[in-house]
PDB file of all heavy atoms in Angstrom:
ATOM      1  N   SER A   1     -55.727  76.143 -30.909  1.00  0.00           N
ATOM      2  CA  SER A   1     -54.813  76.877 -30.043  1.00  0.00           C
ATOM      3  C   SER A   1     -54.395  78.178 -30.729  1.00  0.00           C
ATOM      4  O   SER A   1     -54.679  78.393 -31.906  1.00  0.00           O
ATOM      5  CB  SER A   1     -53.579  76.023 -29.770  1.00  0.00           C
ATOM      6  OG  SER A   1     -52.923  75.728 -30.992  1.00  0.00           O
ATOM      7  N   LYS A   2     -53.737  79.052 -30.005  1.00  0.00           N
ATOM      8  CA  LYS A   2     -53.251  80.299 -30.595  1.00  0.00           C
ATOM      9  C   LYS A   2     -52.199  79.977 -31.651  1.00  0.00           C
ATOM     10  O   LYS A   2     -51.300  79.168 -31.429  1.00  0.00           O
ATOM     11  CB  LYS A   2     -52.648  81.188 -29.513  1.00  0.00           C
ATOM     12  CG  LYS A   2     -53.666  81.758 -28.548  1.00  0.00           C
ATOM     13  CD  LYS A   2     -52.989  82.694 -27.575  1.00  0.00           C
ATOM     14  CE  LYS A   2     -54.009  83.250 -26.598  1.00  0.00           C
ATOM     15  NZ  LYS A   2     -53.403  84.172 -25.638  1.00  0.00           N
ATOM     16  N   ARG A   3     -52.323  80.604 -32.810  1.00  0.00           N
ATOM     17  CA  ARG A   3     -51.338  80.400 -33.862  1.00  0.00           C
ATOM     18  C   ARG A   3     -50.904  81.753 -34.422  1.00  0.00           C
ATOM     19  O   ARG A   3     -51.741  82.620 -34.646  1.00  0.00           O
ATOM     20  CB  ARG A   3     -51.929  79.560 -34.996  1.00  0.00           C
ATOM     21  CG  ARG A   3     -52.194  78.130 -34.585  1.00  0.00           C
ATOM     22  CD  ARG A   3     -52.676  77.345 -35.768  1.00  0.00           C
ATOM     23  NE  ARG A   3     -53.014  75.983 -35.352  1.00  0.00           N
ATOM     24  CZ  ARG A   3     -53.566  75.080 -36.139  1.00  0.00           C
ATOM     25  NH1 ARG A   3     -53.853  75.390 -37.381  1.00  0.00           N
ATOM     26  NH2 ARG A   3     -53.836  73.874 -35.707  1.00  0.00           N
ATOM     27  N   HIS A   4     -49.637  81.901 -34.656  1.00  0.00           N
ATOM     28  CA  HIS A   4     -49.098  83.098 -35.287  1.00  0.00           C
ATOM     29  C   HIS A   4     -49.510  84.364 -34.542  1.00  0.00           C
ATOM     30  O   HIS A   4     -49.776  85.398 -35.139  1.00  0.00           O
ATOM     31  CB  HIS A   4     -49.545  83.183 -36.758  1.00  0.00           C
ATOM     32  CG  HIS A   4     -49.296  81.915 -37.519  1.00  0.00           C
ATOM     33  ND1 HIS A   4     -48.031  81.432 -37.754  1.00  0.00           N
ATOM     34  CD2 HIS A   4     -50.146  81.030 -38.077  1.00  0.00           C
ATOM     35  CE1 HIS A   4     -48.095  80.302 -38.446  1.00  0.00           C
ATOM     36  NE2 HIS A   4     -49.390  80.028 -38.639  1.00  0.00           N
ATOM     37  N   GLY A   5     -49.585  84.270 -33.229  1.00  0.00           N
ATOM     38  CA  GLY A   5     -49.889  85.443 -32.417  1.00  0.00           C
ATOM     39  C   GLY A   5     -51.351  85.858 -32.434  1.00  0.00           C
ATOM     40  O   GLY A   5     -51.712  86.871 -31.848  1.00  0.00           O
ATOM     41  N   LYS A   6     -52.211  85.090 -33.098  1.00  0.00           N
ATOM     42  CA  LYS A   6     -53.630  85.448 -33.151  1.00  0.00           C
ATOM     43  C   LYS A   6     -54.367  84.828 -31.967  1.00  0.00           C
ATOM     44  O   LYS A   6     -53.972  83.782 -31.454  1.00  0.00           O
ATOM     45  CB  LYS A   6     -54.260  84.971 -34.450  1.00  0.00           C
ATOM     46  CG  LYS A   6     -53.681  85.646 -35.683  1.00  0.00           C
ATOM     47  CD  LYS A   6     -54.335  85.128 -36.938  1.00  0.00           C
ATOM     48  CE  LYS A   6     -53.750  85.799 -38.169  1.00  0.00           C
ATOM     49  NZ  LYS A   6     -54.316  85.281 -39.405  1.00  0.00           N
ATOM     50  N   THR A   7     -55.434  85.461 -31.553  1.00  0.00           N
ATOM     51  CA  THR A   7     -56.224  84.899 -30.458  1.00  0.00           C
ATOM     52  C   THR A   7     -57.068  83.736 -30.963  1.00  0.00           C
ATOM     53  O   THR A   7     -57.309  83.592 -32.162  1.00  0.00           O
ATOM     54  CB  THR A   7     -57.149  85.962 -29.850  1.00  0.00           C
ATOM     55  OG1 THR A   7     -57.982  86.471 -30.880  1.00  0.00           O
ATOM     56  CG2 THR A   7     -56.356  87.094 -29.229  1.00  0.00           C
ATOM     57  N   THR A   8     -57.506  82.920 -30.030  1.00  0.00           N
ATOM     58  CA  THR A   8     -58.331  81.768 -30.376  1.00  0.00           C
ATOM     59  C   THR A   8     -59.653  82.221 -30.976  1.00  0.00           C
ATOM     60  O   THR A   8     -60.321  83.075 -30.401  1.00  0.00           O
ATOM     61  CB  THR A   8     -58.604  80.927 -29.122  1.00  0.00           C
ATOM     62  OG1 THR A   8     -57.361  80.616 -28.505  1.00  0.00           O
ATOM     63  CG2 THR A   8     -59.342  79.640 -29.465  1.00  0.00           C
ATOM     64  N   PRO A   9     -60.060  81.677 -32.142  1.00  0.00           N
ATOM     65  CA  PRO A   9     -61.339  82.088 -32.743  1.00  0.00           C
ATOM     66  C   PRO A   9     -62.515  81.693 -31.855  1.00  0.00           C
ATOM     67  O   PRO A   9     -62.436  80.766 -31.057  1.00  0.00           O
ATOM     68  CB  PRO A   9     -61.381  81.297 -34.061  1.00  0.00           C
ATOM     69  CG  PRO A   9     -59.990  80.835 -34.288  1.00  0.00           C
ATOM     70  CD  PRO A   9     -59.345  80.713 -32.953  1.00  0.00           C
ATOM     71  N   LYS A  10     -63.617  82.408 -32.000  1.00  0.00           N
ATOM     72  CA  LYS A  10     -64.836  82.132 -31.241  1.00  0.00           C
ATOM     73  C   LYS A  10     -66.008  82.025 -32.198  1.00  0.00           C
ATOM     74  O   LYS A  10     -65.999  82.598 -33.271  1.00  0.00           O
ATOM     75  CB  LYS A  10     -65.144  83.267 -30.255  1.00  0.00           C
ATOM     76  CG  LYS A  10     -64.100  83.487 -29.196  1.00  0.00           C
ATOM     77  CD  LYS A  10     -64.519  84.652 -28.327  1.00  0.00           C
ATOM     78  CE  LYS A  10     -63.465  84.932 -27.264  1.00  0.00           C
ATOM     79  NZ  LYS A  10     -63.835  86.059 -26.415  1.00  0.00           N
ATOM     80  N   TRP A  11     -67.031  81.271 -31.793  1.00  0.00           N
ATOM     81  CA  TRP A  11     -68.320  81.361 -32.470  1.00  0.00           C
ATOM     82  C   TRP A  11     -69.383  81.549 -31.414  1.00  0.00           C
ATOM     83  O   TRP A  11     -69.233  81.128 -30.281  1.00  0.00           O
ATOM     84  CB  TRP A  11     -68.605  80.152 -33.367  1.00  0.00           C
ATOM     85  CG  TRP A  11     -68.556  78.800 -32.716  1.00  0.00           C
ATOM     86  CD1 TRP A  11     -67.519  77.926 -32.685  1.00  0.00           C
ATOM     87  CD2 TRP A  11     -69.623  78.147 -31.998  1.00  0.00           C
ATOM     88  NE1 TRP A  11     -67.845  76.794 -32.008  1.00  0.00           N
ATOM     89  CE2 TRP A  11     -69.128  76.887 -31.576  1.00  0.00           C
ATOM     90  CE3 TRP A  11     -70.926  78.499 -31.679  1.00  0.00           C
ATOM     91  CZ2 TRP A  11     -69.899  75.988 -30.860  1.00  0.00           C
ATOM     92  CZ3 TRP A  11     -71.701  77.601 -30.956  1.00  0.00           C
ATOM     93  CH2 TRP A  11     -71.180  76.356 -30.558  1.00  0.00           C
ATOM     94  N   TYR A  12     -70.482  82.189 -31.799  1.00  0.00           N
ATOM     95  CA  TYR A  12     -71.505  82.535 -30.826  1.00  0.00           C
ATOM     96  C   TYR A  12     -72.862  82.565 -31.512  1.00  0.00           C
ATOM     97  O   TYR A  12     -73.012  83.170 -32.569  1.00  0.00           O
ATOM     98  CB  TYR A  12     -71.205  83.914 -30.238  1.00  0.00           C
ATOM     99  CG  TYR A  12     -72.219  84.384 -29.231  1.00  0.00           C
ATOM    100  CD1 TYR A  12     -72.295  83.792 -27.976  1.00  0.00           C
ATOM    101  CD2 TYR A  12     -73.105  85.403 -29.533  1.00  0.00           C
ATOM    102  CE1 TYR A  12     -73.235  84.216 -27.047  1.00  0.00           C
ATOM    103  CE2 TYR A  12     -74.045  85.843 -28.605  1.00  0.00           C
ATOM    104  CZ  TYR A  12     -74.092  85.243 -27.366  1.00  0.00           C
ATOM    105  OH  TYR A  12     -75.021  85.666 -26.453  1.00  0.00           O
ATOM    106  N   PHE A  13     -73.842  81.854 -30.952  1.00  0.00           N
ATOM    107  CA  PHE A  13     -75.204  81.891 -31.456  1.00  0.00           C
ATOM    108  C   PHE A  13     -76.074  82.598 -30.430  1.00  0.00           C
ATOM    109  O   PHE A  13     -76.398  82.035 -29.385  1.00  0.00           O
ATOM    110  CB  PHE A  13     -75.757  80.483 -31.682  1.00  0.00           C
ATOM    111  CG  PHE A  13     -75.082  79.747 -32.793  1.00  0.00           C
ATOM    112  CD1 PHE A  13     -74.924  78.373 -32.730  1.00  0.00           C
ATOM    113  CD2 PHE A  13     -74.617  80.408 -33.911  1.00  0.00           C
ATOM    114  CE1 PHE A  13     -74.309  77.682 -33.755  1.00  0.00           C
ATOM    115  CE2 PHE A  13     -73.996  79.732 -34.937  1.00  0.00           C
ATOM    116  CZ  PHE A  13     -73.842  78.374 -34.866  1.00  0.00           C
ATOM    117  N   PRO A  14     -76.469  83.846 -30.693  1.00  0.00           N
ATOM    118  CA  PRO A  14     -77.314  84.537 -29.712  1.00  0.00           C
ATOM    119  C   PRO A  14     -78.714  83.942 -29.633  1.00  0.00           C
ATOM    120  O   PRO A  14     -79.403  84.136 -28.653  1.00  0.00           O
ATOM    121  CB  PRO A  14     -77.362  85.975 -30.250  1.00  0.00           C
ATOM    122  CG  PRO A  14     -77.064  85.842 -31.697  1.00  0.00           C
ATOM    123  CD  PRO A  14     -76.154  84.662 -31.845  1.00  0.00           C
ATOM    124  N   HIS A  15     -79.132  83.224 -30.669  1.00  0.00           N
ATOM    125  CA  HIS A  15     -80.464  82.621 -30.670  1.00  0.00           C
ATOM    126  C   HIS A  15     -80.351  81.165 -31.112  1.00  0.00           C
ATOM    127  O   HIS A  15     -80.586  80.845 -32.267  1.00  0.00           O
ATOM    128  CB  HIS A  15     -81.408  83.372 -31.612  1.00  0.00           C
ATOM    129  CG  HIS A  15     -81.571  84.797 -31.233  1.00  0.00           C
ATOM    130  ND1 HIS A  15     -82.360  85.203 -30.187  1.00  0.00           N
ATOM    131  CD2 HIS A  15     -81.023  85.914 -31.745  1.00  0.00           C
ATOM    132  CE1 HIS A  15     -82.301  86.521 -30.080  1.00  0.00           C
ATOM    133  NE2 HIS A  15     -81.499  86.966 -31.009  1.00  0.00           N
ATOM    134  N   PRO A  16     -79.979  80.265 -30.212  1.00  0.00           N
ATOM    135  CA  PRO A  16     -79.904  78.859 -30.594  1.00  0.00           C
ATOM    136  C   PRO A  16     -81.294  78.240 -30.759  1.00  0.00           C
ATOM    137  O   PRO A  16     -82.292  78.946 -30.766  1.00  0.00           O
ATOM    138  CB  PRO A  16     -79.130  78.215 -29.454  1.00  0.00           C
ATOM    139  CG  PRO A  16     -79.075  79.194 -28.364  1.00  0.00           C
ATOM    140  CD  PRO A  16     -79.516  80.518 -28.873  1.00  0.00           C
ATOM    141  N   GLY A  17     -81.339  76.929 -30.897  1.00  0.00           N
ATOM    142  CA  GLY A  17     -82.599  76.256 -31.207  1.00  0.00           C
ATOM    143  C   GLY A  17     -83.564  76.132 -30.040  1.00  0.00           C
ATOM    144  O   GLY A  17     -83.416  76.775 -29.006  1.00  0.00           O
ATOM    145  N   ARG A  18     -84.539  75.257 -30.250  1.00  0.00           N
ATOM    146  CA  ARG A  18     -85.594  75.040 -29.264  1.00  0.00           C
ATOM    147  C   ARG A  18     -85.632  73.559 -28.903  1.00  0.00           C
ATOM    148  O   ARG A  18     -85.308  72.710 -29.713  1.00  0.00           O
ATOM    149  CB  ARG A  18     -86.937  75.504 -29.824  1.00  0.00           C
ATOM    150  CG  ARG A  18     -86.945  76.980 -30.218  1.00  0.00           C
ATOM    151  CD  ARG A  18     -88.276  77.417 -30.749  1.00  0.00           C
ATOM    152  NE  ARG A  18     -89.315  77.392 -29.732  1.00  0.00           N
ATOM    153  CZ  ARG A  18     -89.532  78.357 -28.844  1.00  0.00           C
ATOM    154  NH1 ARG A  18     -88.779  79.441 -28.849  1.00  0.00           N
ATOM    155  NH2 ARG A  18     -90.500  78.264 -27.955  1.00  0.00           N
ATOM    156  N   GLU A  19     -86.056  73.282 -27.664  1.00  0.00           N
ATOM    157  CA  GLU A  19     -86.137  71.902 -27.217  1.00  0.00           C
ATOM    158  C   GLU A  19     -87.485  71.630 -26.575  1.00  0.00           C
ATOM    159  O   GLU A  19     -88.138  72.526 -26.064  1.00  0.00           O
ATOM    160  CB  GLU A  19     -85.007  71.583 -26.235  1.00  0.00           C
ATOM    161  CG  GLU A  19     -85.077  72.358 -24.940  1.00  0.00           C
ATOM    162  CD  GLU A  19     -84.011  71.951 -23.947  1.00  0.00           C
ATOM    163  OE1 GLU A  19     -83.119  71.174 -24.314  1.00  0.00           O
ATOM    164  OE2 GLU A  19     -84.089  72.395 -22.801  1.00  0.00           O
ATOM    165  N   GLY A  20     -87.900  70.357 -26.634  1.00  0.00           N
ATOM    166  CA  GLY A  20     -89.184  69.971 -26.053  1.00  0.00           C
ATOM    167  C   GLY A  20     -89.923  69.007 -26.955  1.00  0.00           C
ATOM    168  O   GLY A  20     -89.317  68.281 -27.748  1.00  0.00           O
ATOM    169  N   LEU A  21     -91.248  69.002 -26.873  1.00  0.00           N
ATOM    170  CA  LEU A  21     -92.101  68.115 -27.665  1.00  0.00           C
ATOM    171  C   LEU A  21     -92.806  68.889 -28.769  1.00  0.00           C
ATOM    172  O   LEU A  21     -93.267  70.005 -28.549  1.00  0.00           O
ATOM    173  CB  LEU A  21     -93.161  67.455 -26.775  1.00  0.00           C
ATOM    174  CG  LEU A  21     -92.711  66.259 -25.940  1.00  0.00           C
ATOM    175  CD1 LEU A  21     -93.784  65.898 -24.927  1.00  0.00           C
ATOM    176  CD2 LEU A  21     -92.418  65.057 -26.816  1.00  0.00           C
ATOM    177  N   ILE A  22     -92.882  68.266 -29.944  1.00  0.00           N
ATOM    178  CA  ILE A  22     -93.559  68.868 -31.093  1.00  0.00           C
ATOM    179  C   ILE A  22     -94.509  67.830 -31.674  1.00  0.00           C
ATOM    180  O   ILE A  22     -94.123  66.661 -31.849  1.00  0.00           O
ATOM    181  CB  ILE A  22     -92.553  69.273 -32.183  1.00  0.00           C
ATOM    182  CG1 ILE A  22     -91.476  70.190 -31.611  1.00  0.00           C
ATOM    183  CG2 ILE A  22     -93.252  69.938 -33.367  1.00  0.00           C
ATOM    184  CD1 ILE A  22     -90.226  70.217 -32.439  1.00  0.00           C
ATOM    185  N   GLU A  23     -95.730  68.245 -31.973  1.00  0.00           N
ATOM    186  CA  GLU A  23     -96.676  67.365 -32.655  1.00  0.00           C
ATOM    187  C   GLU A  23     -96.919  67.896 -34.061  1.00  0.00           C
ATOM    188  O   GLU A  23     -97.198  69.088 -34.247  1.00  0.00           O
ATOM    189  CB  GLU A  23     -97.994  67.285 -31.881  1.00  0.00           C
ATOM    190  CG  GLU A  23     -97.868  66.491 -30.596  1.00  0.00           C
ATOM    191  CD  GLU A  23     -99.209  66.258 -29.915  1.00  0.00           C
ATOM    192  OE1 GLU A  23    -100.235  66.214 -30.616  1.00  0.00           O
ATOM    193  OE2 GLU A  23     -99.216  66.126 -28.682  1.00  0.00           O
ATOM    194  N   LEU A  24     -96.796  67.000 -35.049  1.00  0.00           N
ATOM    195  CA  LEU A  24     -96.971  67.354 -36.454  1.00  0.00           C
ATOM    196  C   LEU A  24     -98.170  66.617 -37.024  1.00  0.00           C
ATOM    197  O   LEU A  24     -98.448  65.478 -36.641  1.00  0.00           O
ATOM    198  CB  LEU A  24     -95.746  66.954 -37.278  1.00  0.00           C
ATOM    199  CG  LEU A  24     -94.384  67.440 -36.822  1.00  0.00           C
ATOM    200  CD1 LEU A  24     -93.296  66.774 -37.633  1.00  0.00           C
ATOM    201  CD2 LEU A  24     -94.297  68.937 -36.947  1.00  0.00           C
ATOM    202  N   LYS A  25     -98.849  67.261 -37.954  1.00  0.00           N
ATOM    203  CA  LYS A  25     -99.930  66.627 -38.692  1.00  0.00           C
ATOM    204  C   LYS A  25     -99.572  66.687 -40.169  1.00  0.00           C
ATOM    205  O   LYS A  25     -99.340  67.767 -40.708  1.00  0.00           O
ATOM    206  CB  LYS A  25    -101.248  67.363 -38.435  1.00  0.00           C
ATOM    207  CG  LYS A  25    -102.441  66.762 -39.161  1.00  0.00           C
ATOM    208  CD  LYS A  25    -103.690  67.591 -38.860  1.00  0.00           C
ATOM    209  CE  LYS A  25    -104.891  67.073 -39.609  1.00  0.00           C
ATOM    210  NZ  LYS A  25    -106.073  67.923 -39.403  1.00  0.00           N
ATOM    211  N   ILE A  26     -99.502  65.514 -40.812  1.00  0.00           N
ATOM    212  CA  ILE A  26     -99.205  65.437 -42.243  1.00  0.00           C
ATOM    213  C   ILE A  26    -100.491  65.053 -42.961  1.00  0.00           C
ATOM    214  O   ILE A  26    -101.079  64.011 -42.689  1.00  0.00           O
ATOM    215  CB  ILE A  26     -98.084  64.418 -42.537  1.00  0.00           C
ATOM    216  CG1 ILE A  26     -96.811  64.840 -41.803  1.00  0.00           C
ATOM    217  CG2 ILE A  26     -97.835  64.314 -44.030  1.00  0.00           C
ATOM    218  CD1 ILE A  26     -95.640  63.900 -41.983  1.00  0.00           C
ATOM    219  N   THR A  27    -100.931  65.936 -43.864  1.00  0.00           N
ATOM    220  CA  THR A  27    -102.194  65.760 -44.573  1.00  0.00           C
ATOM    221  C   THR A  27    -101.940  65.689 -46.072  1.00  0.00           C
ATOM    222  O   THR A  27    -101.212  66.535 -46.605  1.00  0.00           O
ATOM    223  CB  THR A  27    -103.137  66.955 -44.298  1.00  0.00           C
ATOM    224  OG1 THR A  27    -103.218  67.152 -42.885  1.00  0.00           O
ATOM    225  CG2 THR A  27    -104.512  66.719 -44.877  1.00  0.00           C
ATOM    226  N   PRO A  28    -102.527  64.711 -46.777  1.00  0.00           N
ATOM    227  CA  PRO A  28    -102.380  64.683 -48.237  1.00  0.00           C
ATOM    228  C   PRO A  28    -103.190  65.796 -48.891  1.00  0.00           C
ATOM    229  O   PRO A  28    -104.326  66.046 -48.511  1.00  0.00           O
ATOM    230  CB  PRO A  28    -102.910  63.302 -48.626  1.00  0.00           C
ATOM    231  CG  PRO A  28    -103.814  62.903 -47.517  1.00  0.00           C
ATOM    232  CD  PRO A  28    -103.307  63.572 -46.271  1.00  0.00           C
ATOM    233  N   LEU A  29    -102.598  66.481 -49.865  1.00  0.00           N
ATOM    234  CA  LEU A  29    -103.298  67.516 -50.626  1.00  0.00           C
ATOM    235  C   LEU A  29    -103.800  66.967 -51.953  1.00  0.00           C
ATOM    236  O   LEU A  29    -104.625  67.580 -52.607  1.00  0.00           O
ATOM    237  CB  LEU A  29    -102.367  68.710 -50.883  1.00  0.00           C
ATOM    238  CG  LEU A  29    -101.873  69.427 -49.629  1.00  0.00           C
ATOM    239  CD1 LEU A  29    -100.906  70.542 -50.007  1.00  0.00           C
ATOM    240  CD2 LEU A  29    -103.038  70.000 -48.834  1.00  0.00           C
ATOM    241  N   ARG A  30    -103.251  65.830 -52.374  1.00  0.00           N
ATOM    242  CA  ARG A  30    -103.687  65.125 -53.576  1.00  0.00           C
ATOM    243  C   ARG A  30    -103.815  63.661 -53.199  1.00  0.00           C
ATOM    244  O   ARG A  30    -103.358  63.236 -52.151  1.00  0.00           O
ATOM    245  CB  ARG A  30    -102.620  65.222 -54.673  1.00  0.00           C
ATOM    246  CG  ARG A  30    -102.524  66.540 -55.365  1.00  0.00           C
ATOM    247  CD  ARG A  30    -101.695  66.327 -56.639  1.00  0.00           C
ATOM    248  NE  ARG A  30    -101.716  67.512 -57.457  1.00  0.00           N
ATOM    249  CZ  ARG A  30    -100.760  68.412 -57.444  1.00  0.00           C
ATOM    250  NH1 ARG A  30     -99.720  68.247 -56.682  1.00  0.00           N
ATOM    251  NH2 ARG A  30    -100.838  69.466 -58.216  1.00  0.00           N
ATOM    252  N   ASN A  31    -104.392  62.889 -54.094  1.00  0.00           N
ATOM    253  CA  ASN A  31    -104.424  61.446 -53.858  1.00  0.00           C
ATOM    254  C   ASN A  31    -102.996  60.928 -53.799  1.00  0.00           C
ATOM    255  O   ASN A  31    -102.193  61.206 -54.670  1.00  0.00           O
ATOM    256  CB  ASN A  31    -105.173  60.731 -54.990  1.00  0.00           C
ATOM    257  CG  ASN A  31    -106.662  61.011 -54.937  1.00  0.00           C
ATOM    258  OD1 ASN A  31    -107.182  61.402 -53.897  1.00  0.00           O
ATOM    259  ND2 ASN A  31    -107.332  60.828 -56.045  1.00  0.00           N
ATOM    260  N   TRP A  32    -102.717  60.200 -52.753  1.00  0.00           N
ATOM    261  CA  TRP A  32    -101.407  59.560 -52.691  1.00  0.00           C
ATOM    262  C   TRP A  32    -101.586  58.149 -52.188  1.00  0.00           C
ATOM    263  O   TRP A  32    -102.570  57.800 -51.559  1.00  0.00           O
ATOM    264  CB  TRP A  32    -100.416  60.366 -51.873  1.00  0.00           C
ATOM    265  CG  TRP A  32    -100.760  60.585 -50.415  1.00  0.00           C
ATOM    266  CD1 TRP A  32    -101.944  60.359 -49.781  1.00  0.00           C
ATOM    267  CD2 TRP A  32     -99.891  61.095 -49.417  1.00  0.00           C
ATOM    268  NE1 TRP A  32    -101.858  60.703 -48.474  1.00  0.00           N
ATOM    269  CE2 TRP A  32    -100.616  61.155 -48.211  1.00  0.00           C
ATOM    270  CE3 TRP A  32     -98.560  61.503 -49.415  1.00  0.00           C
ATOM    271  CZ2 TRP A  32    -100.067  61.602 -47.029  1.00  0.00           C
ATOM    272  CZ3 TRP A  32     -98.012  61.953 -48.226  1.00  0.00           C
ATOM    273  CH2 TRP A  32     -98.758  62.003 -47.051  1.00  0.00           C
ATOM    274  N   SER A  33    -100.598  57.346 -52.490  1.00  0.00           N
ATOM    275  CA  SER A  33    -100.706  55.919 -52.209  1.00  0.00           C
ATOM    276  C   SER A  33    -100.237  55.616 -50.792  1.00  0.00           C
ATOM    277  O   SER A  33     -99.554  56.413 -50.147  1.00  0.00           O
ATOM    278  CB  SER A  33     -99.857  55.141 -53.211  1.00  0.00           C
ATOM    279  OG  SER A  33     -98.489  55.465 -53.037  1.00  0.00           O
ATOM    280  N   LYS A  34    -100.603  54.415 -50.349  1.00  0.00           N
ATOM    281  CA  LYS A  34    -100.119  53.942 -49.049  1.00  0.00           C
ATOM    282  C   LYS A  34     -98.601  53.818 -49.065  1.00  0.00           C
ATOM    283  O   LYS A  34     -97.935  54.051 -48.065  1.00  0.00           O
ATOM    284  CB  LYS A  34    -100.767  52.591 -48.722  1.00  0.00           C
ATOM    285  CG  LYS A  34    -100.382  52.070 -47.346  1.00  0.00           C
ATOM    286  CD  LYS A  34    -101.064  50.757 -47.049  1.00  0.00           C
ATOM    287  CE  LYS A  34    -100.737  50.269 -45.652  1.00  0.00           C
ATOM    288  NZ  LYS A  34     -99.312  50.071 -45.393  1.00  0.00           N
ATOM    289  N   GLU A  35     -98.050  53.472 -50.254  1.00  0.00           N
ATOM    290  CA  GLU A  35     -96.597  53.341 -50.376  1.00  0.00           C
ATOM    291  C   GLU A  35     -95.904  54.684 -50.107  1.00  0.00           C
ATOM    292  O   GLU A  35     -94.849  54.725 -49.473  1.00  0.00           O
ATOM    293  CB  GLU A  35     -96.212  52.817 -51.770  1.00  0.00           C
ATOM    294  CG  GLU A  35     -96.531  51.358 -51.998  1.00  0.00           C
ATOM    295  CD  GLU A  35     -98.011  51.072 -52.220  1.00  0.00           C
ATOM    296  OE1 GLU A  35     -98.766  52.015 -52.567  1.00  0.00           O
ATOM    297  OE2 GLU A  35     -98.422  49.917 -52.019  1.00  0.00           O
ATOM    298  N   GLU A  36     -96.499  55.780 -50.593  1.00  0.00           N
ATOM    299  CA  GLU A  36     -95.902  57.097 -50.337  1.00  0.00           C
ATOM    300  C   GLU A  36     -95.973  57.447 -48.861  1.00  0.00           C
ATOM    301  O   GLU A  36     -95.031  57.994 -48.294  1.00  0.00           O
ATOM    302  CB  GLU A  36     -96.610  58.163 -51.178  1.00  0.00           C
ATOM    303  CG  GLU A  36     -96.260  58.105 -52.644  1.00  0.00           C
ATOM    304  CD  GLU A  36     -97.056  59.084 -53.479  1.00  0.00           C
ATOM    305  OE1 GLU A  36     -98.292  59.119 -53.341  1.00  0.00           O
ATOM    306  OE2 GLU A  36     -96.436  59.812 -54.273  1.00  0.00           O
ATOM    307  N   LEU A  37     -97.093  57.134 -48.225  1.00  0.00           N
ATOM    308  CA  LEU A  37     -97.240  57.397 -46.795  1.00  0.00           C
ATOM    309  C   LEU A  37     -96.241  56.574 -45.995  1.00  0.00           C
ATOM    310  O   LEU A  37     -95.553  57.085 -45.107  1.00  0.00           O
ATOM    311  CB  LEU A  37     -98.666  57.078 -46.346  1.00  0.00           C
ATOM    312  CG  LEU A  37     -98.979  57.290 -44.866  1.00  0.00           C
ATOM    313  CD1 LEU A  37     -98.789  58.744 -44.460  1.00  0.00           C
ATOM    314  CD2 LEU A  37    -100.392  56.845 -44.541  1.00  0.00           C
ATOM    315  N   ASP A  38     -96.136  55.275 -46.327  1.00  0.00           N
ATOM    316  CA  ASP A  38     -95.175  54.421 -45.634  1.00  0.00           C
ATOM    317  C   ASP A  38     -93.742  54.881 -45.909  1.00  0.00           C
ATOM    318  O   ASP A  38     -92.871  54.795 -45.043  1.00  0.00           O
ATOM    319  CB  ASP A  38     -95.352  52.956 -46.055  1.00  0.00           C
ATOM    320  CG  ASP A  38     -96.632  52.344 -45.495  1.00  0.00           C
ATOM    321  OD1 ASP A  38     -97.201  52.921 -44.543  1.00  0.00           O
ATOM    322  OD2 ASP A  38     -97.071  51.301 -46.012  1.00  0.00           O
ATOM    323  N   GLY A  39     -93.508  55.393 -47.130  1.00  0.00           N
ATOM    324  CA  GLY A  39     -92.186  55.928 -47.464  1.00  0.00           C
ATOM    325  C   GLY A  39     -91.802  57.092 -46.566  1.00  0.00           C
ATOM    326  O   GLY A  39     -90.662  57.195 -46.103  1.00  0.00           O
ATOM    327  N   LEU A  40     -92.778  57.961 -46.276  1.00  0.00           N
ATOM    328  CA  LEU A  40     -92.505  59.073 -45.359  1.00  0.00           C
ATOM    329  C   LEU A  40     -92.177  58.573 -43.959  1.00  0.00           C
ATOM    330  O   LEU A  40     -91.313  59.114 -43.280  1.00  0.00           O
ATOM    331  CB  LEU A  40     -93.716  60.002 -45.293  1.00  0.00           C
ATOM    332  CG  LEU A  40     -93.813  61.105 -46.331  1.00  0.00           C
ATOM    333  CD1 LEU A  40     -95.074  61.935 -46.110  1.00  0.00           C
ATOM    334  CD2 LEU A  40     -92.594  62.006 -46.307  1.00  0.00           C
ATOM    335  N   LYS A  41     -92.882  57.527 -43.536  1.00  0.00           N
ATOM    336  CA  LYS A  41     -92.609  56.963 -42.211  1.00  0.00           C
ATOM    337  C   LYS A  41     -91.187  56.405 -42.143  1.00  0.00           C
ATOM    338  O   LYS A  41     -90.479  56.595 -41.148  1.00  0.00           O
ATOM    339  CB  LYS A  41     -93.618  55.861 -41.882  1.00  0.00           C
ATOM    340  CG  LYS A  41     -95.027  56.371 -41.656  1.00  0.00           C
ATOM    341  CD  LYS A  41     -95.980  55.219 -41.386  1.00  0.00           C
ATOM    342  CE  LYS A  41     -97.416  55.687 -41.208  1.00  0.00           C
ATOM    343  NZ  LYS A  41     -98.337  54.553 -40.998  1.00  0.00           N
ATOM    344  N   VAL A  42     -90.772  55.729 -43.219  1.00  0.00           N
ATOM    345  CA  VAL A  42     -89.414  55.180 -43.258  1.00  0.00           C
ATOM    346  C   VAL A  42     -88.384  56.310 -43.236  1.00  0.00           C
ATOM    347  O   VAL A  42     -87.365  56.234 -42.540  1.00  0.00           O
ATOM    348  CB  VAL A  42     -89.231  54.263 -44.488  1.00  0.00           C
ATOM    349  CG1 VAL A  42     -87.773  53.879 -44.669  1.00  0.00           C
ATOM    350  CG2 VAL A  42     -90.082  53.012 -44.342  1.00  0.00           C
ATOM    351  N   ILE A  43     -88.650  57.386 -43.992  1.00  0.00           N
ATOM    352  CA  ILE A  43     -87.744  58.538 -44.004  1.00  0.00           C
ATOM    353  C   ILE A  43     -87.605  59.121 -42.592  1.00  0.00           C
ATOM    354  O   ILE A  43     -86.508  59.421 -42.138  1.00  0.00           O
ATOM    355  CB  ILE A  43     -88.249  59.624 -44.974  1.00  0.00           C
ATOM    356  CG1 ILE A  43     -88.129  59.142 -46.422  1.00  0.00           C
ATOM    357  CG2 ILE A  43     -87.491  60.935 -44.798  1.00  0.00           C
ATOM    358  CD1 ILE A  43     -86.728  58.877 -46.880  1.00  0.00           C
ATOM    359  N   LEU A  44     -88.725  59.273 -41.898  1.00  0.00           N
ATOM    360  CA  LEU A  44     -88.677  59.794 -40.525  1.00  0.00           C
ATOM    361  C   LEU A  44     -87.853  58.882 -39.615  1.00  0.00           C
ATOM    362  O   LEU A  44     -87.114  59.354 -38.759  1.00  0.00           O
ATOM    363  CB  LEU A  44     -90.086  59.957 -39.969  1.00  0.00           C
ATOM    364  CG  LEU A  44     -90.794  61.251 -40.357  1.00  0.00           C
ATOM    365  CD1 LEU A  44     -92.294  61.135 -40.104  1.00  0.00           C
ATOM    366  CD2 LEU A  44     -90.220  62.431 -39.574  1.00  0.00           C
TER     367      LEU A  44
END
């Protein structure tokens, strides 16, 4: 609310985010284990 005679603060994003479907491809660049791959799945 207004305090001490000041106007209410504002915020504004002229370029907000994006929405929709995204497809990702994760490729190993070095040898990695199945445990590391499964770990990424758990993180996601």
